[in-house]
Amino acid sequence: MSPKIAQFVKALDTLTPQERSELFTFINNREKATPNGRIILNEELRKAQTINFAPGPGACPTCGR
């Protein structure tokens, strides 16, 4: 077994049943997706990994300042 697969299985064991279900649904949808659909799913994955530390230029979306 490759180290990447071993690391993935180790991370999989830490997921809750709900998270595990969400992961398998995402993987299945990704495997069945068309090339354009896969681009959309990859974009959703990228956005889920983004952390917003502070408002950018302009106003804060919460307080308006």
PDB file of N, CA and C in Angstrom:
ATOM      1  N   MET A   1       0.857  -1.175   0.000  1.00  0.00           N
ATOM      2  CA  MET A   1       0.000   0.000   0.000  1.00  0.00           C
ATOM      3  C   MET A   1       0.900   1.235   0.000  1.00  0.00           C
ATOM      4  N   SER A   2       0.527   2.201  -0.817  1.00  0.00           N
ATOM      5  CA  SER A   2       1.324   3.426  -0.894  1.00  0.00           C
ATOM      6  C   SER A   2       1.091   4.286   0.350  1.00  0.00           C
ATOM      7  N   PRO A   3       2.055   5.128   0.685  1.00  0.00           N
ATOM      8  CA  PRO A   3       1.885   6.019   1.842  1.00  0.00           C
ATOM      9  C   PRO A   3       0.685   6.955   1.718  1.00  0.00           C
ATOM     10  N   LYS A   4       0.357   7.401   0.501  1.00  0.00           N
ATOM     11  CA  LYS A   4      -0.788   8.290   0.304  1.00  0.00           C
ATOM     12  C   LYS A   4      -2.091   7.576   0.646  1.00  0.00           C
ATOM     13  N   ILE A   5      -2.205   6.325   0.220  1.00  0.00           N
ATOM     14  CA  ILE A   5      -3.420   5.564   0.509  1.00  0.00           C
ATOM     15  C   ILE A   5      -3.512   5.290   2.006  1.00  0.00           C
ATOM     16  N   ALA A   6      -2.404   4.952   2.631  1.00  0.00           N
ATOM     17  CA  ALA A   6      -2.407   4.703   4.071  1.00  0.00           C
ATOM     18  C   ALA A   6      -2.823   5.950   4.836  1.00  0.00           C
ATOM     19  N   GLN A   7      -2.349   7.107   4.406  1.00  0.00           N
ATOM     20  CA  GLN A   7      -2.714   8.365   5.054  1.00  0.00           C
ATOM     21  C   GLN A   7      -4.202   8.651   4.858  1.00  0.00           C
ATOM     22  N   PHE A   8      -4.732   8.364   3.664  1.00  0.00           N
ATOM     23  CA  PHE A   8      -6.145   8.575   3.390  1.00  0.00           C
ATOM     24  C   PHE A   8      -7.009   7.678   4.276  1.00  0.00           C
ATOM     25  N   VAL A   9      -6.645   6.414   4.394  1.00  0.00           N
ATOM     26  CA  VAL A   9      -7.420   5.482   5.215  1.00  0.00           C
ATOM     27  C   VAL A   9      -7.376   5.907   6.681  1.00  0.00           C
ATOM     28  N   LYS A  10      -6.231   6.375   7.129  1.00  0.00           N
ATOM     29  CA  LYS A  10      -6.104   6.855   8.506  1.00  0.00           C
ATOM     30  C   LYS A  10      -7.029   8.049   8.740  1.00  0.00           C
ATOM     31  N   ALA A  11      -7.085   8.968   7.784  1.00  0.00           N
ATOM     32  CA  ALA A  11      -7.973  10.133   7.892  1.00  0.00           C
ATOM     33  C   ALA A  11      -9.433   9.698   7.813  1.00  0.00           C
ATOM     34  N   LEU A  12      -9.724   8.717   6.981  1.00  0.00           N
ATOM     35  CA  LEU A  12     -11.088   8.207   6.840  1.00  0.00           C
ATOM     36  C   LEU A  12     -11.605   7.654   8.164  1.00  0.00           C
ATOM     37  N   ASP A  13     -10.730   7.007   8.913  1.00  0.00           N
ATOM     38  CA  ASP A  13     -11.132   6.438  10.199  1.00  0.00           C
ATOM     39  C   ASP A  13     -11.522   7.496  11.228  1.00  0.00           C
ATOM     40  N   THR A  14     -11.095   8.731  11.035  1.00  0.00           N
ATOM     41  CA  THR A  14     -11.418   9.798  11.990  1.00  0.00           C
ATOM     42  C   THR A  14     -12.746  10.484  11.691  1.00  0.00           C
ATOM     43  N   LEU A  15     -13.354  10.175  10.533  1.00  0.00           N
ATOM     44  CA  LEU A  15     -14.603  10.837  10.141  1.00  0.00           C
ATOM     45  C   LEU A  15     -15.803  10.265  10.886  1.00  0.00           C
ATOM     46  N   THR A  16     -16.779  11.138  11.108  1.00  0.00           N
ATOM     47  CA  THR A  16     -18.053  10.691  11.680  1.00  0.00           C
ATOM     48  C   THR A  16     -18.829   9.961  10.575  1.00  0.00           C
ATOM     49  N   PRO A  17     -19.841   9.185  10.929  1.00  0.00           N
ATOM     50  CA  PRO A  17     -20.635   8.517   9.889  1.00  0.00           C
ATOM     51  C   PRO A  17     -21.240   9.493   8.879  1.00  0.00           C
ATOM     52  N   GLN A  18     -21.679  10.654   9.328  1.00  0.00           N
ATOM     53  CA  GLN A  18     -22.244  11.657   8.421  1.00  0.00           C
ATOM     54  C   GLN A  18     -21.170  12.180   7.464  1.00  0.00           C
ATOM     55  N   GLU A  19     -19.983  12.469   7.972  1.00  0.00           N
ATOM     56  CA  GLU A  19     -18.895  12.955   7.130  1.00  0.00           C
ATOM     57  C   GLU A  19     -18.468  11.884   6.128  1.00  0.00           C
ATOM     58  N   ARG A  20     -18.434  10.639   6.589  1.00  0.00           N
ATOM     59  CA  ARG A  20     -18.055   9.532   5.711  1.00  0.00           C
ATOM     60  C   ARG A  20     -19.068   9.384   4.574  1.00  0.00           C
ATOM     61  N   SER A  21     -20.346   9.499   4.895  1.00  0.00           N
ATOM     62  CA  SER A  21     -21.393   9.423   3.883  1.00  0.00           C
ATOM     63  C   SER A  21     -21.247  10.557   2.872  1.00  0.00           C
ATOM     64  N   GLU A  22     -20.981  11.756   3.366  1.00  0.00           N
ATOM     65  CA  GLU A  22     -20.799  12.912   2.485  1.00  0.00           C
ATOM     66  C   GLU A  22     -19.598  12.705   1.562  1.00  0.00           C
ATOM     67  N   LEU A  23     -18.518  12.147   2.096  1.00  0.00           N
ATOM     68  CA  LEU A  23     -17.321  11.884   1.298  1.00  0.00           C
ATOM     69  C   LEU A  23     -17.616  10.888   0.181  1.00  0.00           C
ATOM     70  N   PHE A  24     -18.264   9.777   0.523  1.00  0.00           N
ATOM     71  CA  PHE A  24     -18.547   8.762  -0.482  1.00  0.00           C
ATOM     72  C   PHE A  24     -19.526   9.273  -1.537  1.00  0.00           C
ATOM     73  N   THR A  25     -20.480  10.093  -1.133  1.00  0.00           N
ATOM     74  CA  THR A  25     -21.403  10.695  -2.100  1.00  0.00           C
ATOM     75  C   THR A  25     -20.642  11.603  -3.055  1.00  0.00           C
ATOM     76  N   PHE A  26     -19.731  12.412  -2.518  1.00  0.00           N
ATOM     77  CA  PHE A  26     -18.929  13.307  -3.357  1.00  0.00           C
ATOM     78  C   PHE A  26     -18.078  12.506  -4.334  1.00  0.00           C
ATOM     79  N   ILE A  27     -17.421  11.461  -3.852  1.00  0.00           N
ATOM     80  CA  ILE A  27     -16.567  10.651  -4.720  1.00  0.00           C
ATOM     81  C   ILE A  27     -17.393   9.989  -5.824  1.00  0.00           C
ATOM     82  N   ASN A  28     -18.537   9.422  -5.467  1.00  0.00           N
ATOM     83  CA  ASN A  28     -19.385   8.771  -6.474  1.00  0.00           C
ATOM     84  C   ASN A  28     -19.884   9.767  -7.515  1.00  0.00           C
ATOM     85  N   ASN A  29     -20.313  10.950  -7.067  1.00  0.00           N
ATOM     86  CA  ASN A  29     -20.775  11.981  -8.003  1.00  0.00           C
ATOM     87  C   ASN A  29     -19.647  12.439  -8.912  1.00  0.00           C
ATOM     88  N   ARG A  30     -18.456  12.543  -8.369  1.00  0.00           N
ATOM     89  CA  ARG A  30     -17.295  12.977  -9.147  1.00  0.00           C
ATOM     90  C   ARG A  30     -16.928  11.946 -10.205  1.00  0.00           C
ATOM     91  N   GLU A  31     -17.005  10.667  -9.849  1.00  0.00           N
ATOM     92  CA  GLU A  31     -16.673   9.604 -10.795  1.00  0.00           C
ATOM     93  C   GLU A  31     -17.683   9.539 -11.946  1.00  0.00           C
ATOM     94  N   LYS A  32     -18.948   9.853 -11.672  1.00  0.00           N
ATOM     95  CA  LYS A  32     -20.004   9.776 -12.684  1.00  0.00           C
ATOM     96  C   LYS A  32     -20.133  11.065 -13.498  1.00  0.00           C
ATOM     97  N   ALA A  33     -19.469  12.128 -13.070  1.00  0.00           N
ATOM     98  CA  ALA A  33     -19.655  13.450 -13.683  1.00  0.00           C
ATOM     99  C   ALA A  33     -19.013  13.533 -15.063  1.00  0.00           C
ATOM    100  N   THR A  34     -19.593  14.396 -15.870  1.00  0.00           N
ATOM    101  CA  THR A  34     -19.000  14.736 -17.160  1.00  0.00           C
ATOM    102  C   THR A  34     -17.785  15.622 -16.892  1.00  0.00           C
ATOM    103  N   PRO A  35     -16.956  15.857 -17.899  1.00  0.00           N
ATOM    104  CA  PRO A  35     -15.807  16.752 -17.668  1.00  0.00           C
ATOM    105  C   PRO A  35     -16.216  18.128 -17.128  1.00  0.00           C
ATOM    106  N   ASN A  36     -17.302  18.704 -17.642  1.00  0.00           N
ATOM    107  CA  ASN A  36     -17.763  20.001 -17.129  1.00  0.00           C
ATOM    108  C   ASN A  36     -18.292  19.862 -15.705  1.00  0.00           C
ATOM    109  N   GLY A  37     -18.990  18.786 -15.428  1.00  0.00           N
ATOM    110  CA  GLY A  37     -19.488  18.545 -14.078  1.00  0.00           C
ATOM    111  C   GLY A  37     -18.357  18.361 -13.088  1.00  0.00           C
ATOM    112  N   ARG A  38     -17.286  17.719 -13.535  1.00  0.00           N
ATOM    113  CA  ARG A  38     -16.127  17.516 -12.666  1.00  0.00           C
ATOM    114  C   ARG A  38     -15.463  18.851 -12.331  1.00  0.00           C
ATOM    115  N   ILE A  39     -15.439  19.762 -13.290  1.00  0.00           N
ATOM    116  CA  ILE A  39     -14.876  21.100 -13.045  1.00  0.00           C
ATOM    117  C   ILE A  39     -15.689  21.802 -11.961  1.00  0.00           C
ATOM    118  N   ILE A  40     -17.002  21.696 -12.037  1.00  0.00           N
ATOM    119  CA  ILE A  40     -17.874  22.330 -11.041  1.00  0.00           C
ATOM    120  C   ILE A  40     -17.639  21.710  -9.664  1.00  0.00           C
ATOM    121  N   LEU A  41     -17.551  20.390  -9.603  1.00  0.00           N
ATOM    122  CA  LEU A  41     -17.313  19.727  -8.317  1.00  0.00           C
ATOM    123  C   LEU A  41     -15.949  20.089  -7.748  1.00  0.00           C
ATOM    124  N   ASN A  42     -14.941  20.179  -8.605  1.00  0.00           N
ATOM    125  CA  ASN A  42     -13.610  20.571  -8.133  1.00  0.00           C
ATOM    126  C   ASN A  42     -13.609  22.002  -7.608  1.00  0.00           C
ATOM    127  N   GLU A  43     -14.398  22.874  -8.235  1.00  0.00           N
ATOM    128  CA  GLU A  43     -14.514  24.259  -7.765  1.00  0.00           C
ATOM    129  C   GLU A  43     -15.187  24.300  -6.391  1.00  0.00           C
ATOM    130  N   GLU A  44     -16.225  23.481  -6.203  1.00  0.00           N
ATOM    131  CA  GLU A  44     -16.878  23.402  -4.895  1.00  0.00           C
ATOM    132  C   GLU A  44     -15.893  22.908  -3.835  1.00  0.00           C
ATOM    133  N   LEU A  45     -15.080  21.929  -4.195  1.00  0.00           N
ATOM    134  CA  LEU A  45     -14.073  21.404  -3.267  1.00  0.00           C
ATOM    135  C   LEU A  45     -13.055  22.476  -2.922  1.00  0.00           C
ATOM    136  N   ARG A  46     -12.615  23.230  -3.928  1.00  0.00           N
ATOM    137  CA  ARG A  46     -11.644  24.296  -3.688  1.00  0.00           C
ATOM    138  C   ARG A  46     -12.212  25.350  -2.746  1.00  0.00           C
ATOM    139  N   LYS A  47     -13.478  25.726  -2.956  1.00  0.00           N
ATOM    140  CA  LYS A  47     -14.115  26.735  -2.106  1.00  0.00           C
ATOM    141  C   LYS A  47     -14.278  26.228  -0.675  1.00  0.00           C
ATOM    142  N   ALA A  48     -14.503  24.936  -0.513  1.00  0.00           N
ATOM    143  CA  ALA A  48     -14.657  24.369   0.826  1.00  0.00           C
ATOM    144  C   ALA A  48     -13.342  24.396   1.601  1.00  0.00           C
ATOM    145  N   GLN A  49     -12.225  24.494   0.898  1.00  0.00           N
ATOM    146  CA  GLN A  49     -10.919  24.507   1.539  1.00  0.00           C
ATOM    147  C   GLN A  49     -10.393  25.915   1.772  1.00  0.00           C
ATOM    148  N   THR A  50     -11.140  26.929   1.360  1.00  0.00           N
ATOM    149  CA  THR A  50     -10.707  28.317   1.489  1.00  0.00           C
ATOM    150  C   THR A  50     -11.095  28.866   2.852  1.00  0.00           C
ATOM    151  N   ILE A  51     -10.177  29.585   3.450  1.00  0.00           N
ATOM    152  CA  ILE A  51     -10.435  30.220   4.739  1.00  0.00           C
ATOM    153  C   ILE A  51     -10.430  31.733   4.530  1.00  0.00           C
ATOM    154  N   ASN A  52     -11.473  32.396   4.982  1.00  0.00           N
ATOM    155  CA  ASN A  52     -11.563  33.845   4.872  1.00  0.00           C
ATOM    156  C   ASN A  52     -11.151  34.435   6.219  1.00  0.00           C
ATOM    157  N   PHE A  53      -9.935  34.980   6.287  1.00  0.00           N
ATOM    158  CA  PHE A  53      -9.417  35.520   7.541  1.00  0.00           C
ATOM    159  C   PHE A  53      -9.976  36.905   7.868  1.00  0.00           C
ATOM    160  N   ALA A  54     -10.255  37.674   6.875  1.00  0.00           N
ATOM    161  CA  ALA A  54     -10.754  39.024   7.113  1.00  0.00           C
ATOM    162  C   ALA A  54     -11.411  39.534   5.841  1.00  0.00           C
ATOM    163  N   PRO A  55     -12.237  40.546   5.989  1.00  0.00           N
ATOM    164  CA  PRO A  55     -12.838  41.110   4.779  1.00  0.00           C
ATOM    165  C   PRO A  55     -11.769  41.706   3.873  1.00  0.00           C
ATOM    166  N   GLY A  56     -11.981  41.579   2.603  1.00  0.00           N
ATOM    167  CA  GLY A  56     -11.065  42.165   1.636  1.00  0.00           C
ATOM    168  C   GLY A  56     -11.353  43.639   1.477  1.00  0.00           C
ATOM    169  N   PRO A  57     -10.901  44.196   0.382  1.00  0.00           N
ATOM    170  CA  PRO A  57     -11.193  45.611   0.132  1.00  0.00           C
ATOM    171  C   PRO A  57     -12.696  45.855   0.109  1.00  0.00           C
ATOM    172  N   GLY A  58     -13.101  46.961   0.674  1.00  0.00           N
ATOM    173  CA  GLY A  58     -14.522  47.276   0.734  1.00  0.00           C
ATOM    174  C   GLY A  58     -15.043  47.117   2.146  1.00  0.00           C
ATOM    175  N   ALA A  59     -16.305  46.808   2.260  1.00  0.00           N
ATOM    176  CA  ALA A  59     -16.956  46.753   3.567  1.00  0.00           C
ATOM    177  C   ALA A  59     -17.023  45.323   4.089  1.00  0.00           C
ATOM    178  N   CYS A  60     -17.080  45.220   5.397  1.00  0.00           N
ATOM    179  CA  CYS A  60     -17.254  43.931   6.064  1.00  0.00           C
ATOM    180  C   CYS A  60     -18.671  43.431   5.751  1.00  0.00           C
ATOM    181  N   PRO A  61     -18.819  42.162   5.323  1.00  0.00           N
ATOM    182  CA  PRO A  61     -20.157  41.649   5.005  1.00  0.00           C
ATOM    183  C   PRO A  61     -21.060  41.529   6.233  1.00  0.00           C
ATOM    184  N   THR A  62     -20.476  41.480   7.432  1.00  0.00           N
ATOM    185  CA  THR A  62     -21.277  41.344   8.656  1.00  0.00           C
ATOM    186  C   THR A  62     -21.712  42.689   9.218  1.00  0.00           C
ATOM    187  N   CYS A  63     -20.742  43.578   9.430  1.00  0.00           N
ATOM    188  CA  CYS A  63     -21.077  44.840  10.113  1.00  0.00           C
ATOM    189  C   CYS A  63     -21.239  46.015   9.157  1.00  0.00           C
ATOM    190  N   GLY A  64     -20.765  45.874   7.903  1.00  0.00           N
ATOM    191  CA  GLY A  64     -20.908  46.955   6.938  1.00  0.00           C
ATOM    192  C   GLY A  64     -19.821  48.009   7.011  1.00  0.00           C
ATOM    193  N   ARG A  65     -18.854  47.889   7.910  1.00  0.00           N
ATOM    194  CA  ARG A  65     -17.787  48.882   8.043  1.00  0.00           C
ATOM    195  C   ARG A  65     -16.643  48.580   7.125  1.00  0.00           C
TER     196      ARG A  65
END
